[in-house]
Amino acid sequence: QVQLVESGGGLVQAGGSLRLSCAASGRSLSRWVMGWFRQAVGKEREFVAAISWSVGNTQYADSVKGRFAISRDNAKITVYLQMDSLKPEDTAVYYCAAGLSTQIMSVRGEYQYWGQGTQVTVSS
C-alpha cells in the first residue's frame, strides 16, 4: 500500500508559479514511477508529468514542456511539480499517482495509487 498526500495548490495569476508536493509513505518506492495528472471541470483526467524514482528519468505532456518540472527528494520521499508561466488553461485539480514499473508511464490506468488531489486555479 502506498499513501500519497498532495499539497501546494492555490490561486495564482497568469504567468505566475506554484510548486506542488506529493508526500509518499507506506513502502519503498525504488521500483516505482511517480506521476502527476490533472482534471479540469468537464474533462478527462490527463497526464502531466512523470519521473522514475530510481533513475530519475522524466516525461512531460507537450502542453507543459518547458514550463513544468518534476523532481523527487529521496530523503523526504516527496515528489514535486514546479509550475512556471502558468496559463488559465492549466486550471484543474492536480493528482499525484504511483505506479509499479521500471518504465515511465503516461497512461492513467497503469498507476495503482492516487492522492486526493489539489486545486490549481490560474486567473487571467
Protein backbone atom coordinates (compact mmCIF):
# COMPACT_ATOMS: atom_id res chain seq x y z
CA GLN A 1 0.00 0.00 0.00
CA VAL A 2 1.21 3.50 -0.87
CA GLN A 3 -0.29 6.65 0.62
CA LEU A 4 0.03 9.89 -1.32
CA VAL A 5 -0.76 13.35 0.01
CA GLU A 6 -0.63 16.37 -2.28
CA SER A 7 -0.22 19.99 -1.22
CA GLY A 8 0.71 23.34 -2.69
CA GLY A 9 -2.29 24.16 -4.83
CA GLY A 10 -3.94 27.56 -4.84
CA LEU A 11 -4.94 30.62 -6.82
CA VAL A 12 -2.35 32.39 -8.97
CA GLN A 13 -2.41 34.93 -11.76
CA ALA A 14 -1.45 34.00 -15.29
CA GLY A 15 2.32 34.00 -15.68
CA GLY A 16 2.84 33.09 -12.05
CA SER A 17 4.30 29.98 -10.43
CA LEU A 18 3.28 27.27 -7.99
CA ARG A 19 5.06 24.22 -6.61
CA LEU A 20 3.03 21.13 -5.82
CA SER A 21 4.29 18.50 -3.40
CA CYS A 22 3.36 14.85 -3.08
CA ALA A 23 4.46 13.12 0.11
CA ALA A 24 4.57 9.35 -0.17
CA SER A 25 4.56 6.72 2.54
CA GLY A 26 3.89 3.05 3.04
CA ARG A 27 6.67 1.25 1.21
CA SER A 28 9.91 1.61 -0.67
CA LEU A 29 9.47 3.46 -3.95
CA SER A 30 12.70 2.30 -5.60
CA ARG A 31 10.84 0.42 -8.35
CA TRP A 32 8.05 2.90 -8.77
CA VAL A 33 7.15 5.66 -11.19
CA MET A 34 5.56 8.80 -9.79
CA GLY A 35 3.22 10.81 -11.96
CA TRP A 36 1.18 13.98 -11.96
CA PHE A 37 -2.18 14.12 -13.70
CA ARG A 38 -4.79 16.84 -13.85
CA GLN A 39 -8.51 17.04 -14.40
CA ALA A 40 -10.34 20.19 -15.41
CA VAL A 41 -14.08 20.57 -14.97
CA GLY A 42 -15.92 18.60 -17.63
CA LYS A 43 -12.76 17.00 -19.00
CA GLU A 44 -10.97 13.68 -18.71
CA ARG A 45 -8.04 13.28 -16.35
CA GLU A 46 -4.87 13.84 -18.37
CA PHE A 47 -1.18 13.10 -17.96
CA VAL A 48 1.09 15.99 -16.98
CA ALA A 49 4.49 14.58 -15.98
CA ALA A 50 6.20 11.51 -14.56
CA ILE A 51 9.51 10.54 -13.01
CA SER A 52 11.10 7.17 -12.30
CA TRP A 53 12.04 7.05 -8.66
CA SER A 54 15.25 5.03 -9.03
CA VAL A 55 16.85 6.60 -12.12
CA GLY A 56 15.14 9.97 -12.29
CA ASN A 57 14.04 9.76 -15.93
CA THR A 58 11.26 12.21 -16.72
CA GLN A 59 8.48 12.65 -19.25
CA TYR A 60 6.14 15.57 -19.87
CA ALA A 61 2.95 16.26 -21.74
CA ASP A 62 3.54 18.54 -24.72
CA SER A 63 1.27 21.17 -23.19
CA VAL A 64 3.60 21.70 -20.21
CA LYS A 65 7.06 21.11 -21.69
CA GLY A 66 9.40 23.96 -20.89
CA ARG A 67 7.07 25.32 -18.19
CA PHE A 68 6.73 22.49 -15.65
CA ALA A 69 9.45 20.44 -13.97
CA ILE A 70 9.04 17.24 -11.96
CA SER A 71 11.60 16.22 -9.36
CA ARG A 72 11.95 13.99 -6.32
CA ASP A 73 13.60 14.15 -2.93
CA ASN A 74 14.71 10.69 -1.80
CA ALA A 75 15.25 11.71 1.80
CA LYS A 76 11.80 13.26 2.15
CA ILE A 77 10.13 10.66 -0.10
CA THR A 78 8.43 13.54 -1.84
CA VAL A 79 7.78 14.37 -5.48
CA TYR A 80 7.45 17.94 -6.65
CA LEU A 81 5.89 19.63 -9.64
CA GLN A 82 7.29 23.10 -10.24
CA MET A 83 4.86 25.00 -12.46
CA ASP A 84 6.02 28.24 -14.07
CA SER A 85 4.46 30.55 -16.67
CA LEU A 86 1.05 29.30 -15.66
CA LYS A 87 -1.88 29.80 -18.01
CA PRO A 88 -5.63 29.84 -17.34
CA GLU A 89 -5.89 26.52 -19.22
CA ASP A 90 -3.70 24.94 -16.51
CA THR A 91 -6.62 25.32 -14.09
CA ALA A 92 -7.53 21.87 -12.79
CA VAL A 93 -7.37 19.50 -9.86
CA TYR A 94 -3.88 18.02 -9.86
CA TYR A 95 -3.38 14.43 -8.73
CA CYS A 96 -0.25 12.59 -7.71
CA ALA A 97 -0.04 8.92 -8.66
CA ALA A 98 2.27 5.97 -8.09
CA GLY A 99 2.76 3.00 -10.37
CA LEU A 100 4.96 -0.09 -10.03
CA SER A 101 7.11 -0.08 -13.16
CA THR A 102 10.67 0.24 -14.43
CA GLN A 103 9.46 2.32 -17.39
CA ILE A 104 7.92 5.77 -17.43
CA MET A 105 4.15 5.61 -17.92
CA SER A 106 1.74 8.24 -19.15
CA VAL A 107 -1.45 6.20 -19.11
CA ARG A 108 -3.77 6.70 -16.17
CA GLY A 109 -4.67 3.01 -15.88
CA GLU A 110 -1.06 2.00 -15.28
CA TYR A 111 -0.92 3.77 -11.93
CA GLN A 112 -2.13 1.88 -8.86
CA TYR A 113 -2.28 4.55 -6.18
CA TRP A 114 -3.65 8.08 -6.21
CA GLY A 115 -3.71 11.08 -3.93
CA GLN A 116 -6.80 13.09 -3.10
CA GLY A 117 -5.92 15.96 -5.45
CA THR A 118 -5.13 19.64 -5.00
CA GLN A 119 -6.86 22.51 -6.79
CA VAL A 120 -4.86 24.85 -9.01
CA THR A 121 -6.65 27.93 -10.33
CA VAL A 122 -4.98 30.34 -12.74
CA SER A 123 -6.74 33.65 -13.27
CA SER A 124 -6.37 35.69 -16.44
